[in-house]
Amino acid sequence: RAIGEMDIGVFAIDTHPMKTVKKNVGESDIPVTFGGVTFTPDE
């Protein structure tokens, strides 16, 4: 509801009330693939 009032585009699969864990694990600025498409940084 709050995000819907903000001037930013947000697309997601769905909503969930639970926050995430915080382990600082993940990768950035790499090609990622889902939905039949590879998303490459700077495209």
ModelCIF file with pLDDT and N, C-alpha, C, O atoms, coordinates in Angstrom:
data_MODEL
#
_entry.id   MODEL 
#
_entity.id                         1 
_entity.type                       polymer 
_entity.pdbx_number_of_molecules   1 
#
_entity_poly.entity_id                      1 
_entity_poly.type                           'polypeptide(L)' 
_entity_poly.nstd_linkage                   no 
_entity_poly.nstd_monomer                   no 
_entity_poly.pdbx_seq_one_letter_code       RAIGEMDIGVFAIDTHPMKTVKKNVGESDIPVTFGGVTFTPDE 
_entity_poly.pdbx_seq_one_letter_code_can   RAIGEMDIGVFAIDTHPMKTVKKNVGESDIPVTFGGVTFTPDE 
_entity_poly.pdbx_strand_id                 A 
#
loop_
_entity_poly_seq.entity_id 
_entity_poly_seq.num 
_entity_poly_seq.mon_id 
_entity_poly_seq.hetero 
1 1  ARG n 
1 2  ALA n 
1 3  ILE n 
1 4  GLY n 
1 5  GLU n 
1 6  MET n 
1 7  ASP n 
1 8  ILE n 
1 9  GLY n 
1 10 VAL n 
1 11 PHE n 
1 12 ALA n 
1 13 ILE n 
1 14 ASP n 
1 15 THR n 
1 16 HIS n 
1 17 PRO n 
1 18 MET n 
1 19 LYS n 
1 20 THR n 
1 21 VAL n 
1 22 LYS n 
1 23 LYS n 
1 24 ASN n 
1 25 VAL n 
1 26 GLY n 
1 27 GLU n 
1 28 SER n 
1 29 ASP n 
1 30 ILE n 
1 31 PRO n 
1 32 VAL n 
1 33 THR n 
1 34 PHE n 
1 35 GLY n 
1 36 GLY n 
1 37 VAL n 
1 38 THR n 
1 39 PHE n 
1 40 THR n 
1 41 PRO n 
1 42 ASP n 
1 43 GLU n 
#
_struct_asym.id          A 
_struct_asym.entity_id   1 
#
loop_
_ma_qa_metric.id 
_ma_qa_metric.mode 
_ma_qa_metric.name 
_ma_qa_metric.software_group_id 
_ma_qa_metric.type 
1 global pLDDT . pLDDT 
2 local  pLDDT . pLDDT 
#
_ma_qa_metric_global.metric_id      1 
_ma_qa_metric_global.metric_value   97.28 
_ma_qa_metric_global.model_id       1 
_ma_qa_metric_global.ordinal_id     1 
#
loop_
_ma_qa_metric_local.label_asym_id 
_ma_qa_metric_local.label_comp_id 
_ma_qa_metric_local.label_seq_id 
_ma_qa_metric_local.metric_id 
_ma_qa_metric_local.metric_value 
_ma_qa_metric_local.model_id 
_ma_qa_metric_local.ordinal_id 
A ARG 1  2 98.00 1 1  
A ALA 2  2 98.00 1 2  
A ILE 3  2 98.00 1 3  
A GLY 4  2 98.00 1 4  
A GLU 5  2 98.00 1 5  
A MET 6  2 98.00 1 6  
A ASP 7  2 98.00 1 7  
A ILE 8  2 98.00 1 8  
A GLY 9  2 98.00 1 9  
A VAL 10 2 98.00 1 10 
A PHE 11 2 98.00 1 11 
A ALA 12 2 98.00 1 12 
A ILE 13 2 98.00 1 13 
A ASP 14 2 98.00 1 14 
A THR 15 2 98.00 1 15 
A HIS 16 2 98.00 1 16 
A PRO 17 2 98.00 1 17 
A MET 18 2 97.00 1 18 
A LYS 19 2 96.00 1 19 
A THR 20 2 95.00 1 20 
A VAL 21 2 91.00 1 21 
A LYS 22 2 92.00 1 22 
A LYS 23 2 94.00 1 23 
A ASN 24 2 94.00 1 24 
A VAL 25 2 95.00 1 25 
A GLY 26 2 97.00 1 26 
A GLU 27 2 98.00 1 27 
A SER 28 2 98.00 1 28 
A ASP 29 2 98.00 1 29 
A ILE 30 2 98.00 1 30 
A PRO 31 2 98.00 1 31 
A VAL 32 2 98.00 1 32 
A THR 33 2 98.00 1 33 
A PHE 34 2 98.00 1 34 
A GLY 35 2 98.00 1 35 
A GLY 36 2 98.00 1 36 
A VAL 37 2 98.00 1 37 
A THR 38 2 98.00 1 38 
A PHE 39 2 98.00 1 39 
A THR 40 2 98.00 1 40 
A PRO 41 2 98.00 1 41 
A ASP 42 2 98.00 1 42 
A GLU 43 2 98.00 1 43 
#
loop_
_atom_site.group_PDB 
_atom_site.id 
_atom_site.type_symbol 
_atom_site.label_atom_id 
_atom_site.label_alt_id 
_atom_site.label_comp_id 
_atom_site.label_asym_id 
_atom_site.label_entity_id 
_atom_site.label_seq_id 
_atom_site.pdbx_PDB_ins_code 
_atom_site.Cartn_x 
_atom_site.Cartn_y 
_atom_site.Cartn_z 
_atom_site.occupancy 
_atom_site.B_iso_or_equiv 
_atom_site.pdbx_formal_charge 
_atom_site.auth_seq_id 
_atom_site.auth_comp_id 
_atom_site.auth_asym_id 
_atom_site.auth_atom_id 
_atom_site.pdbx_PDB_model_num 
ATOM 1   N N  . ARG A 1 1  ? 0.841  -1.203  0.000   1.00 98.00 ? 1  ARG A N  1 
ATOM 2   C CA . ARG A 1 1  ? 0.000  0.000   0.000   1.00 98.00 ? 1  ARG A CA 1 
ATOM 3   C C  . ARG A 1 1  ? 0.878  1.255   0.000   1.00 98.00 ? 1  ARG A C  1 
ATOM 4   O O  . ARG A 1 1  ? 0.638  2.178   -0.778  1.00 98.00 ? 1  ARG A O  1 
ATOM 5   N N  . ALA A 1 2  ? 1.883  1.290   0.862   1.00 98.00 ? 2  ALA A N  1 
ATOM 6   C CA . ALA A 1 2  ? 2.786  2.446   0.925   1.00 98.00 ? 2  ALA A CA 1 
ATOM 7   C C  . ALA A 1 2  ? 3.593  2.585   -0.364  1.00 98.00 ? 2  ALA A C  1 
ATOM 8   O O  . ALA A 1 2  ? 3.767  3.696   -0.866  1.00 98.00 ? 2  ALA A O  1 
ATOM 9   N N  . ILE A 1 3  ? 4.084  1.479   -0.899  1.00 98.00 ? 3  ILE A N  1 
ATOM 10  C CA . ILE A 1 3  ? 4.869  1.517   -2.140  1.00 98.00 ? 3  ILE A CA 1 
ATOM 11  C C  . ILE A 1 3  ? 4.017  2.028   -3.291  1.00 98.00 ? 3  ILE A C  1 
ATOM 12  O O  . ILE A 1 3  ? 4.520  2.704   -4.189  1.00 98.00 ? 3  ILE A O  1 
ATOM 13  N N  . GLY A 1 4  ? 2.739  1.710   -3.267  1.00 98.00 ? 4  GLY A N  1 
ATOM 14  C CA . GLY A 1 4  ? 1.827  2.163   -4.315  1.00 98.00 ? 4  GLY A CA 1 
ATOM 15  C C  . GLY A 1 4  ? 1.654  3.669   -4.359  1.00 98.00 ? 4  GLY A C  1 
ATOM 16  O O  . GLY A 1 4  ? 1.159  4.206   -5.350  1.00 98.00 ? 4  GLY A O  1 
ATOM 17  N N  . GLU A 1 5  ? 2.052  4.353   -3.311  1.00 98.00 ? 5  GLU A N  1 
ATOM 18  C CA . GLU A 1 5  ? 1.955  5.809   -3.262  1.00 98.00 ? 5  GLU A CA 1 
ATOM 19  C C  . GLU A 1 5  ? 3.276  6.498   -3.587  1.00 98.00 ? 5  GLU A C  1 
ATOM 20  O O  . GLU A 1 5  ? 3.359  7.726   -3.545  1.00 98.00 ? 5  GLU A O  1 
ATOM 21  N N  . MET A 1 6  ? 4.303  5.724   -3.908  1.00 98.00 ? 6  MET A N  1 
ATOM 22  C CA . MET A 1 6  ? 5.632  6.287   -4.169  1.00 98.00 ? 6  MET A CA 1 
ATOM 23  C C  . MET A 1 6  ? 5.892  6.421   -5.664  1.00 98.00 ? 6  MET A C  1 
ATOM 24  O O  . MET A 1 6  ? 5.396  5.631   -6.467  1.00 98.00 ? 6  MET A O  1 
ATOM 25  N N  . ASP A 1 7  ? 6.679  7.436   -6.023  1.00 98.00 ? 7  ASP A N  1 
ATOM 26  C CA . ASP A 1 7  ? 7.006  7.682   -7.426  1.00 98.00 ? 7  ASP A CA 1 
ATOM 27  C C  . ASP A 1 7  ? 8.192  6.825   -7.857  1.00 98.00 ? 7  ASP A C  1 
ATOM 28  O O  . ASP A 1 7  ? 9.289  7.322   -8.110  1.00 98.00 ? 7  ASP A O  1 
ATOM 29  N N  . ILE A 1 8  ? 7.933  5.528   -7.932  1.00 98.00 ? 8  ILE A N  1 
ATOM 30  C CA . ILE A 1 8  ? 8.923  4.558   -8.387  1.00 98.00 ? 8  ILE A CA 1 
ATOM 31  C C  . ILE A 1 8  ? 8.161  3.365   -8.942  1.00 98.00 ? 8  ILE A C  1 
ATOM 32  O O  . ILE A 1 8  ? 7.090  3.016   -8.446  1.00 98.00 ? 8  ILE A O  1 
ATOM 33  N N  . GLY A 1 9  ? 8.714  2.748   -9.965  1.00 98.00 ? 9  GLY A N  1 
ATOM 34  C CA . GLY A 1 9  ? 8.117  1.531   -10.502 1.00 98.00 ? 9  GLY A CA 1 
ATOM 35  C C  . GLY A 1 9  ? 8.579  0.334   -9.682  1.00 98.00 ? 9  GLY A C  1 
ATOM 36  O O  . GLY A 1 9  ? 9.774  0.188   -9.425  1.00 98.00 ? 9  GLY A O  1 
ATOM 37  N N  . VAL A 1 10 ? 7.664  -0.513  -9.276  1.00 98.00 ? 10 VAL A N  1 
ATOM 38  C CA . VAL A 1 10 ? 8.018  -1.738  -8.551  1.00 98.00 ? 10 VAL A CA 1 
ATOM 39  C C  . VAL A 1 10 ? 7.174  -2.875  -9.109  1.00 98.00 ? 10 VAL A C  1 
ATOM 40  O O  . VAL A 1 10 ? 5.954  -2.904  -8.941  1.00 98.00 ? 10 VAL A O  1 
ATOM 41  N N  . PHE A 1 11 ? 7.845  -3.811  -9.776  1.00 98.00 ? 11 PHE A N  1 
ATOM 42  C CA . PHE A 1 11 ? 7.194  -5.021  -10.261 1.00 98.00 ? 11 PHE A CA 1 
ATOM 43  C C  . PHE A 1 11 ? 7.738  -6.187  -9.445  1.00 98.00 ? 11 PHE A C  1 
ATOM 44  O O  . PHE A 1 11 ? 8.941  -6.274  -9.202  1.00 98.00 ? 11 PHE A O  1 
ATOM 45  N N  . ALA A 1 12 ? 6.852  -7.078  -9.025  1.00 98.00 ? 12 ALA A N  1 
ATOM 46  C CA . ALA A 1 12 ? 7.245  -8.269  -8.279  1.00 98.00 ? 12 ALA A CA 1 
ATOM 47  C C  . ALA A 1 12 ? 6.253  -9.379  -8.577  1.00 98.00 ? 12 ALA A C  1 
ATOM 48  O O  . ALA A 1 12 ? 5.191  -9.146  -9.154  1.00 98.00 ? 12 ALA A O  1 
ATOM 49  N N  . ILE A 1 13 ? 6.615  -10.586 -8.178  1.00 98.00 ? 13 ILE A N  1 
ATOM 50  C CA . ILE A 1 13 ? 5.711  -11.715 -8.384  1.00 98.00 ? 13 ILE A CA 1 
ATOM 51  C C  . ILE A 1 13 ? 4.487  -11.571 -7.490  1.00 98.00 ? 13 ILE A C  1 
ATOM 52  O O  . ILE A 1 13 ? 3.356  -11.768 -7.936  1.00 98.00 ? 13 ILE A O  1 
ATOM 53  N N  . ASP A 1 14 ? 4.717  -11.223 -6.216  1.00 98.00 ? 14 ASP A N  1 
ATOM 54  C CA . ASP A 1 14 ? 3.607  -11.132 -5.267  1.00 98.00 ? 14 ASP A CA 1 
ATOM 55  C C  . ASP A 1 14 ? 4.061  -10.387 -4.022  1.00 98.00 ? 14 ASP A C  1 
ATOM 56  O O  . ASP A 1 14 ? 5.152  -9.817  -3.989  1.00 98.00 ? 14 ASP A O  1 
ATOM 57  N N  . THR A 1 15 ? 3.216  -10.396 -3.000  1.00 98.00 ? 15 THR A N  1 
ATOM 58  C CA . THR A 1 15 ? 3.547  -9.793  -1.720  1.00 98.00 ? 15 THR A CA 1 
ATOM 59  C C  . THR A 1 15 ? 3.687  -10.873 -0.660  1.00 98.00 ? 15 THR A C  1 
ATOM 60  O O  . THR A 1 15 ? 3.141  -11.968 -0.790  1.00 98.00 ? 15 THR A O  1 
ATOM 61  N N  . HIS A 1 16 ? 4.431  -10.543 0.396   1.00 98.00 ? 16 HIS A N  1 
ATOM 62  C CA . HIS A 1 16 ? 4.596  -11.434 1.546   1.00 98.00 ? 16 HIS A CA 1 
ATOM 63  C C  . HIS A 1 16 ? 4.940  -10.556 2.745   1.00 98.00 ? 16 HIS A C  1 
ATOM 64  O O  . HIS A 1 16 ? 5.768  -9.655  2.614   1.00 98.00 ? 16 HIS A O  1 
ATOM 65  N N  . PRO A 1 17 ? 4.335  -10.789 3.906   1.00 98.00 ? 17 PRO A N  1 
ATOM 66  C CA . PRO A 1 17 ? 4.575  -9.902  5.038   1.00 98.00 ? 17 PRO A CA 1 
ATOM 67  C C  . PRO A 1 17 ? 5.905  -10.121 5.765   1.00 98.00 ? 17 PRO A C  1 
ATOM 68  O O  . PRO A 1 17 ? 6.320  -9.256  6.537   1.00 98.00 ? 17 PRO A O  1 
ATOM 69  N N  . MET A 1 18 ? 6.580  -11.242 5.543   1.00 97.00 ? 18 MET A N  1 
ATOM 70  C CA . MET A 1 18 ? 7.792  -11.575 6.302   1.00 97.00 ? 18 MET A CA 1 
ATOM 71  C C  . MET A 1 18 ? 9.027  -10.897 5.717   1.00 97.00 ? 18 MET A C  1 
ATOM 72  O O  . MET A 1 18 ? 9.261  -10.943 4.509   1.00 97.00 ? 18 MET A O  1 
ATOM 73  N N  . LYS A 1 19 ? 9.826  -10.256 6.605   1.00 96.00 ? 19 LYS A N  1 
ATOM 74  C CA . LYS A 1 19 ? 11.079 -9.647  6.153   1.00 96.00 ? 19 LYS A CA 1 
ATOM 75  C C  . LYS A 1 19 ? 12.131 -10.728 5.928   1.00 96.00 ? 19 LYS A C  1 
ATOM 76  O O  . LYS A 1 19 ? 11.929 -11.894 6.269   1.00 96.00 ? 19 LYS A O  1 
ATOM 77  N N  . THR A 1 20 ? 13.250 -10.321 5.349   1.00 95.00 ? 20 THR A N  1 
ATOM 78  C CA . THR A 1 20 ? 14.307 -11.286 5.053   1.00 95.00 ? 20 THR A CA 1 
ATOM 79  C C  . THR A 1 20 ? 15.279 -11.416 6.219   1.00 95.00 ? 20 THR A C  1 
ATOM 80  O O  . THR A 1 20 ? 15.233 -10.661 7.190   1.00 95.00 ? 20 THR A O  1 
ATOM 81  N N  . VAL A 1 21 ? 16.154 -12.397 6.085   1.00 91.00 ? 21 VAL A N  1 
ATOM 82  C CA . VAL A 1 21 ? 17.299 -12.509 6.975   1.00 91.00 ? 21 VAL A CA 1 
ATOM 83  C C  . VAL A 1 21 ? 18.367 -11.558 6.440   1.00 91.00 ? 21 VAL A C  1 
ATOM 84  O O  . VAL A 1 21 ? 18.302 -11.150 5.280   1.00 91.00 ? 21 VAL A O  1 
ATOM 85  N N  . LYS A 1 22 ? 19.338 -11.205 7.259   1.00 92.00 ? 22 LYS A N  1 
ATOM 86  C CA . LYS A 1 22 ? 20.403 -10.290 6.846   1.00 92.00 ? 22 LYS A CA 1 
ATOM 87  C C  . LYS A 1 22 ? 21.740 -10.999 7.025   1.00 92.00 ? 22 LYS A C  1 
ATOM 88  O O  . LYS A 1 22 ? 22.288 -11.043 8.126   1.00 92.00 ? 22 LYS A O  1 
ATOM 89  N N  . LYS A 1 23 ? 22.257 -11.551 5.935   1.00 94.00 ? 23 LYS A N  1 
ATOM 90  C CA . LYS A 1 23 ? 23.541 -12.259 5.986   1.00 94.00 ? 23 LYS A CA 1 
ATOM 91  C C  . LYS A 1 23 ? 24.586 -11.631 5.066   1.00 94.00 ? 23 LYS A C  1 
ATOM 92  O O  . LYS A 1 23 ? 25.727 -12.090 5.007   1.00 94.00 ? 23 LYS A O  1 
ATOM 93  N N  . ASN A 1 24 ? 24.187 -10.573 4.344   1.00 94.00 ? 24 ASN A N  1 
ATOM 94  C CA . ASN A 1 24 ? 25.092 -9.936  3.377   1.00 94.00 ? 24 ASN A CA 1 
ATOM 95  C C  . ASN A 1 24 ? 25.618 -10.922 2.339   1.00 94.00 ? 24 ASN A C  1 
ATOM 96  O O  . ASN A 1 24 ? 26.787 -10.881 1.955   1.00 94.00 ? 24 ASN A O  1 
ATOM 97  N N  . VAL A 1 25 ? 24.725 -11.813 1.891   1.00 95.00 ? 25 VAL A N  1 
ATOM 98  C CA . VAL A 1 25 ? 25.105 -12.823 0.907   1.00 95.00 ? 25 VAL A CA 1 
ATOM 99  C C  . VAL A 1 25 ? 24.412 -12.512 -0.412  1.00 95.00 ? 25 VAL A C  1 
ATOM 100 O O  . VAL A 1 25 ? 23.215 -12.226 -0.448  1.00 95.00 ? 25 VAL A O  1 
ATOM 101 N N  . GLY A 1 26 ? 25.177 -12.571 -1.486  1.00 97.00 ? 26 GLY A N  1 
ATOM 102 C CA . GLY A 1 26 ? 24.617 -12.359 -2.811  1.00 97.00 ? 26 GLY A CA 1 
ATOM 103 C C  . GLY A 1 26 ? 25.674 -11.787 -3.737  1.00 97.00 ? 26 GLY A C  1 
ATOM 104 O O  . GLY A 1 26 ? 26.817 -11.562 -3.340  1.00 97.00 ? 26 GLY A O  1 
ATOM 105 N N  . GLU A 1 27 ? 25.270 -11.557 -4.980  1.00 98.00 ? 27 GLU A N  1 
ATOM 106 C CA . GLU A 1 27 ? 26.176 -11.021 -5.995  1.00 98.00 ? 27 GLU A CA 1 
ATOM 107 C C  . GLU A 1 27 ? 25.520 -9.823  -6.654  1.00 98.00 ? 27 GLU A C  1 
ATOM 108 O O  . GLU A 1 27 ? 24.295 -9.733  -6.736  1.00 98.00 ? 27 GLU A O  1 
ATOM 109 N N  . SER A 1 28 ? 26.358 -8.898  -7.124  1.00 98.00 ? 28 SER A N  1 
ATOM 110 C CA . SER A 1 28 ? 25.832 -7.723  -7.816  1.00 98.00 ? 28 SER A CA 1 
ATOM 111 C C  . SER A 1 28 ? 26.544 -7.536  -9.149  1.00 98.00 ? 28 SER A C  1 
ATOM 112 O O  . SER A 1 28 ? 27.661 -8.012  -9.357  1.00 98.00 ? 28 SER A O  1 
ATOM 113 N N  . ASP A 1 29 ? 25.858 -6.825  -10.047 1.00 98.00 ? 29 ASP A N  1 
ATOM 114 C CA . ASP A 1 29 ? 26.400 -6.481  -11.367 1.00 98.00 ? 29 ASP A CA 1 
ATOM 115 C C  . ASP A 1 29 ? 26.869 -7.686  -12.161 1.00 98.00 ? 29 ASP A C  1 
ATOM 116 O O  . ASP A 1 29 ? 27.942 -7.672  -12.765 1.00 98.00 ? 29 ASP A O  1 
ATOM 117 N N  . ILE A 1 30 ? 26.040 -8.740  -12.151 1.00 98.00 ? 30 ILE A N  1 
ATOM 118 C CA . ILE A 1 30 ? 26.303 -9.920  -12.974 1.00 98.00 ? 30 ILE A CA 1 
ATOM 119 C C  . ILE A 1 30 ? 25.052 -10.187 -13.809 1.00 98.00 ? 30 ILE A C  1 
ATOM 120 O O  . ILE A 1 30 ? 23.958 -9.784  -13.412 1.00 98.00 ? 30 ILE A O  1 
ATOM 121 N N  . PRO A 1 31 ? 25.186 -10.857 -14.957 1.00 98.00 ? 31 PRO A N  1 
ATOM 122 C CA . PRO A 1 31 ? 23.979 -11.249 -15.694 1.00 98.00 ? 31 PRO A CA 1 
ATOM 123 C C  . PRO A 1 31 ? 23.133 -12.206 -14.855 1.00 98.00 ? 31 PRO A C  1 
ATOM 124 O O  . PRO A 1 31 ? 23.660 -13.135 -14.243 1.00 98.00 ? 31 PRO A O  1 
ATOM 125 N N  . VAL A 1 32 ? 21.819 -11.974 -14.830 1.00 98.00 ? 32 VAL A N  1 
ATOM 126 C CA . VAL A 1 32 ? 20.889 -12.859 -14.132 1.00 98.00 ? 32 VAL A CA 1 
ATOM 127 C C  . VAL A 1 32 ? 19.803 -13.274 -15.122 1.00 98.00 ? 32 VAL A C  1 
ATOM 128 O O  . VAL A 1 32 ? 19.444 -12.517 -16.024 1.00 98.00 ? 32 VAL A O  1 
ATOM 129 N N  . THR A 1 33 ? 19.289 -14.482 -14.938 1.00 98.00 ? 33 THR A N  1 
ATOM 130 C CA . THR A 1 33 ? 18.308 -15.008 -15.888 1.00 98.00 ? 33 THR A CA 1 
ATOM 131 C C  . THR A 1 33 ? 17.072 -15.512 -15.163 1.00 98.00 ? 33 THR A C  1 
ATOM 132 O O  . THR A 1 33 ? 17.167 -16.309 -14.229 1.00 98.00 ? 33 THR A O  1 
ATOM 133 N N  . PHE A 1 34 ? 15.911 -15.039 -15.604 1.00 98.00 ? 34 PHE A N  1 
ATOM 134 C CA . PHE A 1 34 ? 14.614 -15.555 -15.168 1.00 98.00 ? 34 PHE A CA 1 
ATOM 135 C C  . PHE A 1 34 ? 13.574 -15.069 -16.169 1.00 98.00 ? 34 PHE A C  1 
ATOM 136 O O  . PHE A 1 34 ? 13.821 -14.124 -16.918 1.00 98.00 ? 34 PHE A O  1 
ATOM 137 N N  . GLY A 1 35 ? 12.428 -15.706 -16.181 1.00 98.00 ? 35 GLY A N  1 
ATOM 138 C CA . GLY A 1 35 ? 11.367 -15.303 -17.104 1.00 98.00 ? 35 GLY A CA 1 
ATOM 139 C C  . GLY A 1 35 ? 11.751 -15.448 -18.565 1.00 98.00 ? 35 GLY A C  1 
ATOM 140 O O  . GLY A 1 35 ? 11.193 -14.769 -19.427 1.00 98.00 ? 35 GLY A O  1 
ATOM 141 N N  . GLY A 1 36 ? 12.708 -16.338 -18.850 1.00 98.00 ? 36 GLY A N  1 
ATOM 142 C CA . GLY A 1 36 ? 13.128 -16.579 -20.223 1.00 98.00 ? 36 GLY A CA 1 
ATOM 143 C C  . GLY A 1 36 ? 14.052 -15.524 -20.795 1.00 98.00 ? 36 GLY A C  1 
ATOM 144 O O  . GLY A 1 36 ? 14.306 -15.515 -22.000 1.00 98.00 ? 36 GLY A O  1 
ATOM 145 N N  . VAL A 1 37 ? 14.567 -14.621 -19.941 1.00 98.00 ? 37 VAL A N  1 
ATOM 146 C CA . VAL A 1 37 ? 15.406 -13.519 -20.406 1.00 98.00 ? 37 VAL A CA 1 
ATOM 147 C C  . VAL A 1 37 ? 16.634 -13.392 -19.500 1.00 98.00 ? 37 VAL A C  1 
ATOM 148 O O  . VAL A 1 37 ? 16.543 -13.579 -18.287 1.00 98.00 ? 37 VAL A O  1 
ATOM 149 N N  . THR A 1 38 ? 17.772 -13.076 -20.100 1.00 98.00 ? 38 THR A N  1 
ATOM 150 C CA . THR A 1 38 ? 18.960 -12.719 -19.320 1.00 98.00 ? 38 THR A CA 1 
ATOM 151 C C  . THR A 1 38 ? 19.029 -11.207 -19.236 1.00 98.00 ? 38 THR A C  1 
ATOM 152 O O  . THR A 1 38 ? 18.968 -10.509 -20.248 1.00 98.00 ? 38 THR A O  1 
ATOM 153 N N  . PHE A 1 39 ? 19.157 -10.711 -18.014 1.00 98.00 ? 39 PHE A N  1 
ATOM 154 C CA . PHE A 1 39 ? 19.266 -9.279  -17.733 1.00 98.00 ? 39 PHE A CA 1 
ATOM 155 C C  . PHE A 1 39 ? 20.743 -8.986  -17.496 1.00 98.00 ? 39 PHE A C  1 
ATOM 156 O O  . PHE A 1 39 ? 21.339 -9.500  -16.549 1.00 98.00 ? 39 PHE A O  1 
ATOM 157 N N  . THR A 1 40 ? 21.326 -8.169  -18.348 1.00 98.00 ? 40 THR A N  1 
ATOM 158 C CA . THR A 1 40 ? 22.740 -7.856  -18.275 1.00 98.00 ? 40 THR A CA 1 
ATOM 159 C C  . THR A 1 40 ? 22.916 -6.412  -17.830 1.00 98.00 ? 40 THR A C  1 
ATOM 160 O O  . THR A 1 40 ? 22.269 -5.518  -18.375 1.00 98.00 ? 40 THR A O  1 
ATOM 161 N N  . PRO A 1 41 ? 23.784 -6.168  -16.844 1.00 98.00 ? 41 PRO A N  1 
ATOM 162 C CA . PRO A 1 41 ? 24.005 -4.791  -16.404 1.00 98.00 ? 41 PRO A CA 1 
ATOM 163 C C  . PRO A 1 41 ? 24.316 -3.861  -17.581 1.00 98.00 ? 41 PRO A C  1 
ATOM 164 O O  . PRO A 1 41 ? 25.046 -4.222  -18.505 1.00 98.00 ? 41 PRO A O  1 
ATOM 165 N N  . ASP A 1 42 ? 23.749 -2.663  -17.523 1.00 98.00 ? 42 ASP A N  1 
ATOM 166 C CA . ASP A 1 42 ? 23.901 -1.596  -18.510 1.00 98.00 ? 42 ASP A CA 1 
ATOM 167 C C  . ASP A 1 42 ? 23.108 -1.802  -19.793 1.00 98.00 ? 42 ASP A C  1 
ATOM 168 O O  . ASP A 1 42 ? 23.145 -0.941  -20.672 1.00 98.00 ? 42 ASP A O  1 
ATOM 169 N N  . GLU A 1 43 ? 22.384 -2.925  -19.930 1.00 98.00 ? 43 GLU A N  1 
ATOM 170 C CA . GLU A 1 43 ? 21.402 -3.015  -21.006 1.00 98.00 ? 43 GLU A CA 1 
ATOM 171 C C  . GLU A 1 43 ? 20.186 -2.204  -20.565 1.00 98.00 ? 43 GLU A C  1 
ATOM 172 O O  . GLU A 1 43 ? 19.203 -2.117  -21.300 1.00 98.00 ? 43 GLU A O  1 
#
